[in-house]
N, C-alpha and C. Protein backbone atom coordinates (compact mmCIF):
# COMPACT_ATOMS: atom_id res chain seq x y z
N MET A 1 128.33 42.98 -99.75
CA MET A 1 128.71 41.78 -99.05
C MET A 1 127.57 40.81 -98.84
N PRO A 2 126.32 41.27 -98.61
CA PRO A 2 125.25 40.31 -98.42
C PRO A 2 125.09 39.38 -99.63
N GLY A 3 125.40 39.87 -100.83
CA GLY A 3 125.32 39.01 -102.01
C GLY A 3 126.35 37.91 -101.97
N GLY A 4 127.52 38.18 -101.38
CA GLY A 4 128.57 37.18 -101.26
C GLY A 4 128.17 36.06 -100.33
N CYS A 5 127.49 36.37 -99.26
CA CYS A 5 127.01 35.35 -98.32
C CYS A 5 125.96 34.47 -98.98
N GLN A 6 125.14 35.10 -99.80
CA GLN A 6 124.09 34.34 -100.47
C GLN A 6 124.68 33.36 -101.47
N VAL A 7 125.77 33.74 -102.12
CA VAL A 7 126.43 32.87 -103.08
C VAL A 7 127.03 31.66 -102.37
N THR A 8 127.63 31.84 -101.21
CA THR A 8 128.22 30.72 -100.49
C THR A 8 127.17 29.83 -99.85
N MET A 9 126.00 30.36 -99.54
CA MET A 9 124.93 29.55 -98.94
C MET A 9 124.25 28.67 -99.99
N MET A 10 124.24 29.12 -101.23
CA MET A 10 123.56 28.37 -102.27
C MET A 10 124.13 26.96 -102.45
N PRO A 11 125.45 26.77 -102.51
CA PRO A 11 125.96 25.40 -102.64
C PRO A 11 125.57 24.51 -101.46
N TRP A 12 125.53 25.05 -100.25
CA TRP A 12 125.14 24.24 -99.10
C TRP A 12 123.70 23.78 -99.21
N LYS A 13 122.84 24.66 -99.69
CA LYS A 13 121.44 24.29 -99.88
C LYS A 13 121.33 23.19 -100.93
N MET A 14 122.12 23.32 -101.98
CA MET A 14 122.09 22.30 -103.03
C MET A 14 122.60 20.96 -102.50
N VAL A 15 123.63 21.00 -101.67
CA VAL A 15 124.17 19.77 -101.08
C VAL A 15 123.13 19.11 -100.18
N ILE A 16 122.44 19.91 -99.37
CA ILE A 16 121.42 19.37 -98.47
C ILE A 16 120.27 18.76 -99.28
N VAL A 17 119.83 19.46 -100.32
CA VAL A 17 118.75 18.93 -101.16
C VAL A 17 119.22 17.66 -101.87
N ALA A 18 120.46 17.64 -102.36
CA ALA A 18 120.99 16.45 -103.04
C ALA A 18 121.08 15.27 -102.08
N LEU A 19 121.54 15.50 -100.85
CA LEU A 19 121.61 14.42 -99.86
C LEU A 19 120.21 13.91 -99.51
N PHE A 20 119.26 14.82 -99.36
CA PHE A 20 117.89 14.42 -99.06
C PHE A 20 117.32 13.57 -100.20
N TYR A 21 117.54 14.01 -101.44
CA TYR A 21 117.07 13.26 -102.60
C TYR A 21 117.74 11.89 -102.68
N CYS A 22 119.05 11.85 -102.42
CA CYS A 22 119.79 10.58 -102.46
C CYS A 22 119.26 9.61 -101.40
N ASN A 23 118.96 10.13 -100.21
CA ASN A 23 118.41 9.30 -99.14
C ASN A 23 117.05 8.73 -99.52
N ILE A 24 116.20 9.56 -100.08
CA ILE A 24 114.87 9.09 -100.51
C ILE A 24 115.01 8.03 -101.60
N ASN A 25 115.87 8.29 -102.57
CA ASN A 25 116.08 7.35 -103.68
C ASN A 25 116.65 6.03 -103.17
N THR A 26 117.59 6.08 -102.25
CA THR A 26 118.19 4.87 -101.69
C THR A 26 117.15 4.06 -100.93
N CYS A 27 116.33 4.71 -100.12
CA CYS A 27 115.29 4.00 -99.36
C CYS A 27 114.27 3.37 -100.29
N ALA A 28 113.86 4.10 -101.32
CA ALA A 28 112.88 3.56 -102.26
C ALA A 28 113.46 2.37 -103.02
N THR A 29 114.71 2.47 -103.43
CA THR A 29 115.35 1.37 -104.14
C THR A 29 115.51 0.16 -103.25
N TYR A 30 115.91 0.37 -101.99
CA TYR A 30 116.07 -0.75 -101.05
C TYR A 30 114.75 -1.46 -100.84
N ARG A 31 113.68 -0.69 -100.65
CA ARG A 31 112.38 -1.31 -100.42
C ARG A 31 111.92 -2.10 -101.64
N HIS A 32 112.20 -1.58 -102.83
CA HIS A 32 111.76 -2.25 -104.05
C HIS A 32 112.58 -3.50 -104.34
N ASN A 33 113.87 -3.47 -103.99
CA ASN A 33 114.76 -4.59 -104.31
C ASN A 33 115.01 -5.52 -103.14
N LYS A 34 114.26 -5.42 -102.08
CA LYS A 34 114.48 -6.25 -100.90
C LYS A 34 114.30 -7.73 -101.26
N VAL A 35 115.21 -8.54 -100.82
CA VAL A 35 115.19 -9.96 -101.13
C VAL A 35 114.13 -10.64 -100.26
N LEU A 36 113.19 -11.32 -100.90
CA LEU A 36 112.14 -12.00 -100.15
C LEU A 36 112.63 -13.31 -99.56
N TYR A 37 113.54 -13.97 -100.23
CA TYR A 37 114.09 -15.25 -99.77
C TYR A 37 115.60 -15.09 -99.58
N PRO A 38 116.04 -14.66 -98.39
CA PRO A 38 117.46 -14.36 -98.17
C PRO A 38 118.39 -15.55 -98.40
N SER A 39 117.92 -16.75 -98.21
CA SER A 39 118.80 -17.91 -98.37
C SER A 39 119.21 -18.12 -99.83
N THR A 40 118.54 -17.47 -100.78
CA THR A 40 118.95 -17.59 -102.18
C THR A 40 120.23 -16.83 -102.46
N VAL A 41 120.58 -15.91 -101.59
CA VAL A 41 121.78 -15.12 -101.79
C VAL A 41 123.03 -15.94 -101.45
N ARG A 42 122.88 -16.94 -100.61
CA ARG A 42 124.00 -17.78 -100.19
C ARG A 42 124.20 -18.94 -101.16
N VAL A 43 125.43 -19.34 -101.33
CA VAL A 43 125.74 -20.49 -102.19
C VAL A 43 125.31 -21.75 -101.46
N LYS A 44 124.58 -22.60 -102.14
CA LYS A 44 124.08 -23.84 -101.54
C LYS A 44 124.70 -25.04 -102.23
N ARG A 45 125.06 -26.00 -101.44
CA ARG A 45 125.55 -27.29 -101.92
C ARG A 45 126.74 -27.16 -102.88
N GLY A 46 127.47 -26.05 -102.77
CA GLY A 46 128.69 -25.88 -103.54
C GLY A 46 128.51 -25.78 -105.04
N MET A 47 127.32 -25.48 -105.50
CA MET A 47 127.07 -25.43 -106.94
C MET A 47 126.69 -24.01 -107.33
N ALA A 48 127.46 -23.40 -108.22
CA ALA A 48 127.19 -22.04 -108.65
C ALA A 48 125.84 -21.94 -109.36
N SER A 49 125.44 -22.98 -110.08
CA SER A 49 124.17 -22.94 -110.80
C SER A 49 122.98 -23.04 -109.86
N MET A 50 123.21 -23.43 -108.62
CA MET A 50 122.11 -23.56 -107.68
C MET A 50 122.03 -22.38 -106.72
N VAL A 51 122.69 -21.27 -107.03
CA VAL A 51 122.65 -20.12 -106.15
C VAL A 51 121.24 -19.57 -106.06
N ASN A 52 120.54 -19.47 -107.17
CA ASN A 52 119.18 -18.95 -107.19
C ASN A 52 118.33 -19.86 -108.07
N PRO A 53 118.10 -21.10 -107.64
CA PRO A 53 117.41 -22.05 -108.51
C PRO A 53 115.92 -21.77 -108.64
N THR A 54 115.40 -22.07 -109.81
CA THR A 54 113.96 -22.05 -110.04
C THR A 54 113.57 -23.39 -110.64
N PHE A 55 112.38 -23.83 -110.34
CA PHE A 55 111.92 -25.12 -110.83
C PHE A 55 111.21 -24.99 -112.16
N GLN A 56 110.35 -23.98 -112.27
CA GLN A 56 109.49 -23.86 -113.44
C GLN A 56 110.11 -22.94 -114.49
N ASN A 57 110.53 -23.53 -115.58
CA ASN A 57 111.06 -22.76 -116.71
C ASN A 57 110.25 -22.98 -117.98
N SER A 58 109.31 -23.91 -117.94
CA SER A 58 108.48 -24.21 -119.11
C SER A 58 107.16 -24.80 -118.64
N ILE A 59 106.24 -24.98 -119.56
CA ILE A 59 104.95 -25.57 -119.23
C ILE A 59 105.12 -27.03 -118.79
N GLU A 60 106.13 -27.70 -119.34
CA GLU A 60 106.40 -29.09 -118.93
C GLU A 60 106.82 -29.14 -117.46
N ASP A 61 107.58 -28.13 -117.02
CA ASP A 61 107.98 -28.06 -115.61
C ASP A 61 106.77 -27.84 -114.70
N VAL A 62 105.85 -27.00 -115.17
CA VAL A 62 104.62 -26.76 -114.40
C VAL A 62 103.83 -28.06 -114.28
N ASN A 63 103.71 -28.79 -115.39
CA ASN A 63 102.99 -30.07 -115.36
C ASN A 63 103.70 -31.08 -114.46
N LEU A 64 105.02 -31.08 -114.48
CA LEU A 64 105.79 -31.99 -113.62
C LEU A 64 105.56 -31.65 -112.15
N LEU A 65 105.57 -30.37 -111.82
CA LEU A 65 105.31 -29.97 -110.44
C LEU A 65 103.92 -30.41 -110.00
N PHE A 66 102.94 -30.22 -110.87
CA PHE A 66 101.58 -30.66 -110.56
C PHE A 66 101.54 -32.17 -110.34
N GLU A 67 102.24 -32.91 -111.19
CA GLU A 67 102.29 -34.38 -111.06
C GLU A 67 102.97 -34.78 -109.74
N ILE A 68 104.04 -34.09 -109.38
CA ILE A 68 104.73 -34.38 -108.11
C ILE A 68 103.81 -34.10 -106.93
N LEU A 69 103.09 -32.99 -106.99
CA LEU A 69 102.17 -32.66 -105.89
C LEU A 69 101.05 -33.69 -105.78
N LEU A 70 100.54 -34.15 -106.93
CA LEU A 70 99.48 -35.17 -106.90
C LEU A 70 100.00 -36.53 -106.43
N ALA A 71 101.24 -36.85 -106.79
CA ALA A 71 101.82 -38.14 -106.41
C ALA A 71 102.12 -38.20 -104.91
N GLY A 72 102.32 -37.05 -104.32
CA GLY A 72 102.59 -37.02 -102.89
C GLY A 72 103.93 -36.41 -102.55
N LEU A 73 103.94 -35.12 -102.38
CA LEU A 73 105.13 -34.41 -101.93
C LEU A 73 105.02 -34.27 -100.43
N GLN A 74 106.00 -34.78 -99.71
CA GLN A 74 105.96 -34.73 -98.25
C GLN A 74 107.07 -33.83 -97.73
N PHE A 75 106.67 -32.87 -96.92
CA PHE A 75 107.64 -32.04 -96.20
C PHE A 75 107.67 -32.54 -94.78
N GLY A 76 108.84 -32.59 -94.22
CA GLY A 76 108.94 -32.88 -92.79
C GLY A 76 108.83 -31.56 -92.05
N ASP A 77 109.25 -31.56 -90.79
CA ASP A 77 109.31 -30.29 -90.08
C ASP A 77 110.58 -29.57 -90.51
N GLU A 78 110.99 -28.55 -89.78
CA GLU A 78 112.16 -27.78 -90.22
C GLU A 78 113.46 -28.56 -90.16
N HIS A 79 113.46 -29.77 -89.56
CA HIS A 79 114.69 -30.55 -89.43
C HIS A 79 114.72 -31.79 -90.31
N THR A 80 113.58 -32.26 -90.79
CA THR A 80 113.56 -33.49 -91.58
C THR A 80 113.47 -33.17 -93.07
N LEU A 81 113.74 -34.17 -93.86
CA LEU A 81 113.87 -33.98 -95.29
C LEU A 81 112.54 -34.00 -96.02
N PHE A 82 112.60 -33.49 -97.21
CA PHE A 82 111.49 -33.48 -98.15
C PHE A 82 111.56 -34.78 -98.94
N SER A 83 110.41 -35.32 -99.33
CA SER A 83 110.43 -36.55 -100.12
C SER A 83 109.25 -36.58 -101.09
N VAL A 84 109.49 -37.27 -102.20
CA VAL A 84 108.45 -37.49 -103.20
C VAL A 84 108.10 -38.96 -103.14
N GLN A 85 106.81 -39.28 -103.02
CA GLN A 85 106.37 -40.66 -102.81
C GLN A 85 106.64 -41.55 -104.02
N ASP A 86 106.47 -41.03 -105.22
CA ASP A 86 106.67 -41.81 -106.44
C ASP A 86 108.17 -41.91 -106.73
N GLU A 87 108.70 -43.14 -106.76
CA GLU A 87 110.15 -43.35 -106.95
C GLU A 87 110.64 -42.85 -108.31
N GLU A 88 109.83 -43.04 -109.34
CA GLU A 88 110.23 -42.58 -110.67
C GLU A 88 110.36 -41.06 -110.71
N LEU A 89 109.37 -40.38 -110.15
CA LEU A 89 109.43 -38.92 -110.09
C LEU A 89 110.57 -38.44 -109.19
N ALA A 90 110.79 -39.15 -108.10
CA ALA A 90 111.85 -38.78 -107.16
C ALA A 90 113.24 -38.87 -107.77
N SER A 91 113.40 -39.72 -108.78
CA SER A 91 114.72 -39.91 -109.38
C SER A 91 115.06 -38.88 -110.46
N LEU A 92 114.11 -38.04 -110.84
CA LEU A 92 114.35 -37.06 -111.90
C LEU A 92 115.29 -35.94 -111.44
N ARG A 93 116.08 -35.43 -112.36
CA ARG A 93 117.00 -34.33 -112.06
C ARG A 93 116.23 -33.08 -111.61
N LYS A 94 115.10 -32.80 -112.26
CA LYS A 94 114.29 -31.64 -111.88
C LYS A 94 113.78 -31.77 -110.45
N THR A 95 113.51 -32.99 -110.02
CA THR A 95 113.04 -33.20 -108.65
C THR A 95 114.15 -32.87 -107.66
N LYS A 96 115.39 -33.13 -108.04
CA LYS A 96 116.53 -32.77 -107.18
C LYS A 96 116.61 -31.25 -107.01
N LYS A 97 116.33 -30.53 -108.09
CA LYS A 97 116.33 -29.07 -108.00
C LYS A 97 115.20 -28.59 -107.09
N LEU A 98 114.04 -29.24 -107.20
CA LEU A 98 112.92 -28.92 -106.31
C LEU A 98 113.30 -29.21 -104.86
N GLU A 99 114.04 -30.28 -104.65
CA GLU A 99 114.50 -30.63 -103.30
C GLU A 99 115.39 -29.53 -102.72
N VAL A 100 116.30 -29.01 -103.54
CA VAL A 100 117.18 -27.92 -103.08
C VAL A 100 116.34 -26.70 -102.71
N ILE A 101 115.36 -26.37 -103.54
CA ILE A 101 114.50 -25.22 -103.26
C ILE A 101 113.74 -25.43 -101.96
N CYS A 102 113.15 -26.61 -101.80
CA CYS A 102 112.32 -26.87 -100.62
C CYS A 102 113.14 -26.99 -99.34
N GLU A 103 114.31 -27.57 -99.42
CA GLU A 103 115.11 -27.78 -98.21
C GLU A 103 115.97 -26.58 -97.84
N ASP A 104 116.49 -25.89 -98.83
CA ASP A 104 117.48 -24.85 -98.55
C ASP A 104 116.96 -23.42 -98.66
N ILE A 105 115.88 -23.21 -99.38
CA ILE A 105 115.43 -21.84 -99.64
C ILE A 105 114.14 -21.49 -98.92
N LEU A 106 113.16 -22.38 -98.94
CA LEU A 106 111.87 -22.06 -98.34
C LEU A 106 111.99 -21.87 -96.83
N PRO A 107 111.26 -20.89 -96.30
CA PRO A 107 111.25 -20.73 -94.84
C PRO A 107 110.50 -21.89 -94.20
N LYS A 108 110.97 -22.37 -93.07
CA LYS A 108 110.36 -23.54 -92.43
C LYS A 108 109.71 -23.22 -91.07
N THR A 109 110.17 -22.17 -90.42
CA THR A 109 109.63 -21.86 -89.10
C THR A 109 108.53 -20.81 -89.23
N LEU A 110 107.65 -20.77 -88.25
CA LEU A 110 106.59 -19.78 -88.27
C LEU A 110 107.14 -18.36 -88.29
N SER A 111 108.20 -18.12 -87.53
CA SER A 111 108.76 -16.76 -87.51
C SER A 111 109.33 -16.38 -88.88
N ASP A 112 109.98 -17.31 -89.56
CA ASP A 112 110.49 -17.03 -90.90
C ASP A 112 109.36 -16.81 -91.90
N ILE A 113 108.30 -17.58 -91.77
CA ILE A 113 107.16 -17.43 -92.68
C ILE A 113 106.44 -16.11 -92.40
N ARG A 114 106.33 -15.74 -91.14
CA ARG A 114 105.73 -14.43 -90.81
C ARG A 114 106.57 -13.29 -91.35
N ARG A 115 107.88 -13.42 -91.27
CA ARG A 115 108.77 -12.40 -91.83
C ARG A 115 108.54 -12.30 -93.34
N LEU A 116 108.41 -13.45 -93.99
CA LEU A 116 108.14 -13.46 -95.42
C LEU A 116 106.82 -12.78 -95.74
N THR A 117 105.77 -13.11 -95.01
CA THR A 117 104.46 -12.51 -95.29
C THR A 117 104.48 -11.00 -95.03
N SER A 118 105.24 -10.58 -94.04
CA SER A 118 105.39 -9.14 -93.80
C SER A 118 106.09 -8.47 -94.98
N ASN A 119 107.16 -9.09 -95.46
CA ASN A 119 107.87 -8.55 -96.63
C ASN A 119 106.99 -8.57 -97.87
N LEU A 120 106.18 -9.61 -98.02
CA LEU A 120 105.28 -9.69 -99.17
C LEU A 120 104.23 -8.58 -99.10
N SER A 121 103.73 -8.28 -97.91
CA SER A 121 102.71 -7.24 -97.79
C SER A 121 103.29 -5.86 -98.09
N ASN A 122 104.59 -5.68 -97.91
CA ASN A 122 105.25 -4.40 -98.21
C ASN A 122 105.84 -4.36 -99.61
N HIS A 123 105.76 -5.47 -100.34
CA HIS A 123 106.37 -5.57 -101.67
C HIS A 123 105.58 -4.73 -102.67
N MET A 124 106.31 -3.98 -103.48
CA MET A 124 105.66 -3.15 -104.50
C MET A 124 105.78 -3.85 -105.86
N GLY A 125 104.70 -3.86 -106.62
CA GLY A 125 104.72 -4.46 -107.94
C GLY A 125 104.50 -5.96 -107.88
N HIS A 126 104.61 -6.58 -109.04
CA HIS A 126 104.42 -8.02 -109.13
C HIS A 126 105.67 -8.75 -108.66
N LEU A 127 105.47 -9.95 -108.14
CA LEU A 127 106.59 -10.79 -107.72
C LEU A 127 107.35 -11.28 -108.95
N ARG A 128 108.64 -11.49 -108.78
CA ARG A 128 109.41 -12.13 -109.83
C ARG A 128 108.98 -13.59 -109.90
N LEU A 129 109.21 -14.23 -111.03
CA LEU A 129 108.79 -15.61 -111.24
C LEU A 129 109.28 -16.52 -110.13
N GLU A 130 110.56 -16.43 -109.77
CA GLU A 130 111.11 -17.31 -108.74
C GLU A 130 110.50 -17.02 -107.37
N ASP A 131 110.20 -15.76 -107.07
CA ASP A 131 109.57 -15.43 -105.79
C ASP A 131 108.13 -15.93 -105.74
N PHE A 132 107.43 -15.83 -106.86
CA PHE A 132 106.06 -16.35 -106.92
C PHE A 132 106.07 -17.87 -106.70
N GLU A 133 106.97 -18.56 -107.40
CA GLU A 133 107.09 -20.02 -107.27
C GLU A 133 107.38 -20.40 -105.82
N ARG A 134 108.31 -19.73 -105.19
CA ARG A 134 108.69 -20.04 -103.81
C ARG A 134 107.57 -19.72 -102.84
N THR A 135 106.80 -18.68 -103.13
CA THR A 135 105.67 -18.35 -102.26
C THR A 135 104.60 -19.43 -102.35
N VAL A 136 104.34 -19.92 -103.55
CA VAL A 136 103.37 -21.01 -103.71
C VAL A 136 103.86 -22.27 -102.99
N LEU A 137 105.14 -22.60 -103.14
CA LEU A 137 105.68 -23.78 -102.46
C LEU A 137 105.67 -23.60 -100.94
N THR A 138 105.91 -22.38 -100.47
CA THR A 138 105.81 -22.11 -99.03
C THR A 138 104.38 -22.29 -98.57
N MET A 139 103.42 -21.92 -99.41
CA MET A 139 102.02 -22.11 -99.06
C MET A 139 101.69 -23.60 -98.99
N VAL A 140 102.24 -24.41 -99.89
CA VAL A 140 102.04 -25.86 -99.84
C VAL A 140 102.63 -26.42 -98.55
N TYR A 141 103.84 -25.98 -98.20
CA TYR A 141 104.48 -26.42 -96.96
C TYR A 141 103.63 -26.03 -95.75
N THR A 142 103.12 -24.80 -95.76
CA THR A 142 102.29 -24.31 -94.65
C THR A 142 101.00 -25.11 -94.54
N ALA A 143 100.39 -25.45 -95.67
CA ALA A 143 99.17 -26.26 -95.65
C ALA A 143 99.44 -27.64 -95.06
N GLN A 144 100.58 -28.21 -95.40
CA GLN A 144 100.92 -29.52 -94.84
C GLN A 144 101.19 -29.44 -93.34
N ARG A 145 101.86 -28.39 -92.91
CA ARG A 145 102.10 -28.21 -91.47
C ARG A 145 100.78 -27.95 -90.74
N LEU A 146 99.87 -27.24 -91.38
CA LEU A 146 98.55 -26.99 -90.80
C LEU A 146 97.80 -28.31 -90.62
N ALA A 147 97.85 -29.16 -91.62
CA ALA A 147 97.16 -30.45 -91.55
C ALA A 147 97.76 -31.36 -90.49
N ASN A 148 99.05 -31.22 -90.22
CA ASN A 148 99.72 -32.07 -89.24
C ASN A 148 99.86 -31.44 -87.86
N ALA A 149 99.28 -30.26 -87.66
CA ALA A 149 99.38 -29.58 -86.36
C ALA A 149 98.67 -30.40 -85.29
N THR A 150 99.27 -30.45 -84.11
CA THR A 150 98.73 -31.28 -83.04
C THR A 150 97.89 -30.51 -82.04
N THR A 151 98.08 -29.21 -81.94
CA THR A 151 97.28 -28.42 -80.99
C THR A 151 96.49 -27.36 -81.73
N ASP A 152 95.45 -26.87 -81.07
CA ASP A 152 94.63 -25.81 -81.68
C ASP A 152 95.45 -24.54 -81.89
N GLN A 153 96.34 -24.24 -80.96
CA GLN A 153 97.16 -23.04 -81.09
C GLN A 153 98.07 -23.15 -82.31
N GLN A 154 98.71 -24.29 -82.50
CA GLN A 154 99.55 -24.50 -83.69
C GLN A 154 98.72 -24.39 -84.96
N ARG A 155 97.56 -25.01 -84.92
CA ARG A 155 96.67 -24.98 -86.09
C ARG A 155 96.30 -23.54 -86.44
N ASP A 156 95.98 -22.74 -85.43
CA ASP A 156 95.61 -21.34 -85.67
C ASP A 156 96.78 -20.54 -86.26
N LEU A 157 97.97 -20.76 -85.73
CA LEU A 157 99.15 -20.04 -86.21
C LEU A 157 99.48 -20.41 -87.66
N TRP A 158 99.44 -21.72 -87.96
CA TRP A 158 99.72 -22.15 -89.33
C TRP A 158 98.61 -21.68 -90.28
N ALA A 159 97.36 -21.69 -89.82
CA ALA A 159 96.24 -21.22 -90.65
C ALA A 159 96.39 -19.73 -90.96
N GLU A 160 96.79 -18.96 -89.98
CA GLU A 160 97.00 -17.53 -90.18
C GLU A 160 98.11 -17.29 -91.22
N SER A 161 99.18 -18.06 -91.12
CA SER A 161 100.27 -17.93 -92.10
C SER A 161 99.81 -18.34 -93.49
N PHE A 162 99.04 -19.41 -93.57
CA PHE A 162 98.51 -19.87 -94.86
C PHE A 162 97.65 -18.79 -95.51
N VAL A 163 96.76 -18.19 -94.73
CA VAL A 163 95.88 -17.15 -95.26
C VAL A 163 96.69 -15.93 -95.72
N SER A 164 97.71 -15.57 -94.97
CA SER A 164 98.56 -14.43 -95.36
C SER A 164 99.28 -14.71 -96.68
N LEU A 165 99.78 -15.92 -96.84
CA LEU A 165 100.43 -16.29 -98.11
C LEU A 165 99.42 -16.29 -99.26
N TYR A 166 98.23 -16.82 -98.99
CA TYR A 166 97.17 -16.82 -100.00
C TYR A 166 96.84 -15.40 -100.45
N ARG A 167 96.71 -14.50 -99.49
CA ARG A 167 96.40 -13.10 -99.83
C ARG A 167 97.51 -12.47 -100.67
N ALA A 168 98.76 -12.78 -100.33
CA ALA A 168 99.89 -12.23 -101.10
C ALA A 168 99.86 -12.74 -102.54
N ILE A 169 99.56 -14.01 -102.71
CA ILE A 169 99.50 -14.58 -104.06
C ILE A 169 98.31 -14.00 -104.82
N LYS A 170 97.18 -13.90 -104.15
CA LYS A 170 95.99 -13.33 -104.79
C LYS A 170 96.24 -11.89 -105.21
N LEU A 171 96.88 -11.12 -104.34
CA LEU A 171 97.19 -9.73 -104.66
C LEU A 171 98.13 -9.64 -105.85
N ASP A 172 99.09 -10.54 -105.91
CA ASP A 172 100.04 -10.54 -107.03
C ASP A 172 99.35 -10.88 -108.35
N LEU A 173 98.32 -11.70 -108.30
CA LEU A 173 97.63 -12.12 -109.52
C LEU A 173 96.57 -11.13 -109.99
N THR A 174 96.20 -10.18 -109.15
CA THR A 174 95.16 -9.22 -109.53
C THR A 174 95.78 -8.00 -110.20
N ALA A 175 94.98 -7.36 -111.01
CA ALA A 175 95.45 -6.16 -111.72
C ALA A 175 95.62 -4.98 -110.78
N GLU A 176 95.00 -5.01 -109.61
CA GLU A 176 95.11 -3.91 -108.66
C GLU A 176 96.55 -3.66 -108.25
N ASN A 177 97.36 -4.68 -108.25
CA ASN A 177 98.75 -4.57 -107.83
C ASN A 177 99.65 -4.06 -108.96
N ASP A 178 99.12 -3.98 -110.17
CA ASP A 178 99.91 -3.56 -111.32
C ASP A 178 100.16 -2.06 -111.24
N LEU A 179 101.41 -1.66 -111.14
CA LEU A 179 101.75 -0.25 -111.00
C LEU A 179 101.44 0.54 -112.26
N THR A 180 101.40 -0.11 -113.41
CA THR A 180 101.11 0.61 -114.65
C THR A 180 99.62 0.89 -114.79
N ALA A 181 98.78 0.24 -114.02
CA ALA A 181 97.34 0.45 -114.11
C ALA A 181 96.92 1.73 -113.41
N LYS A 182 97.80 2.29 -112.60
CA LYS A 182 97.44 3.50 -111.84
C LYS A 182 97.51 4.73 -112.68
């Protein structure tokens, strides 16, 4: 009879081990696939193509973004609109896509930016192209808010956020973060 008890206990042990493995796998997958920019999951402006927009798809797009930044990209606070100083650049279709990204996707409050930097510090592997782009644009927004801060406390908080974003971008660009290098 003791052999019979051992046979019935074996499936329970396998079930417990399988559940434990499933839990570990689920947690690891969740951490790896965590969305850095939650607002991209929501439909914006009623356009299916704008659910997860990216600005840079070619070298010309990168050059256009650089030109827009040099011409004067202005972010307001979390309630006011984004604007491009050059009227010709502002009228481009690609600039409208950048506007959607900047107004609807990028975090605007310090608490949202801190949440992003926390998620970035826990992120494993390299950022996806769209997450890298949004992190750089968030850093531009943070730099502008830092420059326009009116009190020393605000300046310190925005500077801390800027440095955290810079570190996340630097880490993403270094080979140390490459999981295949280990």
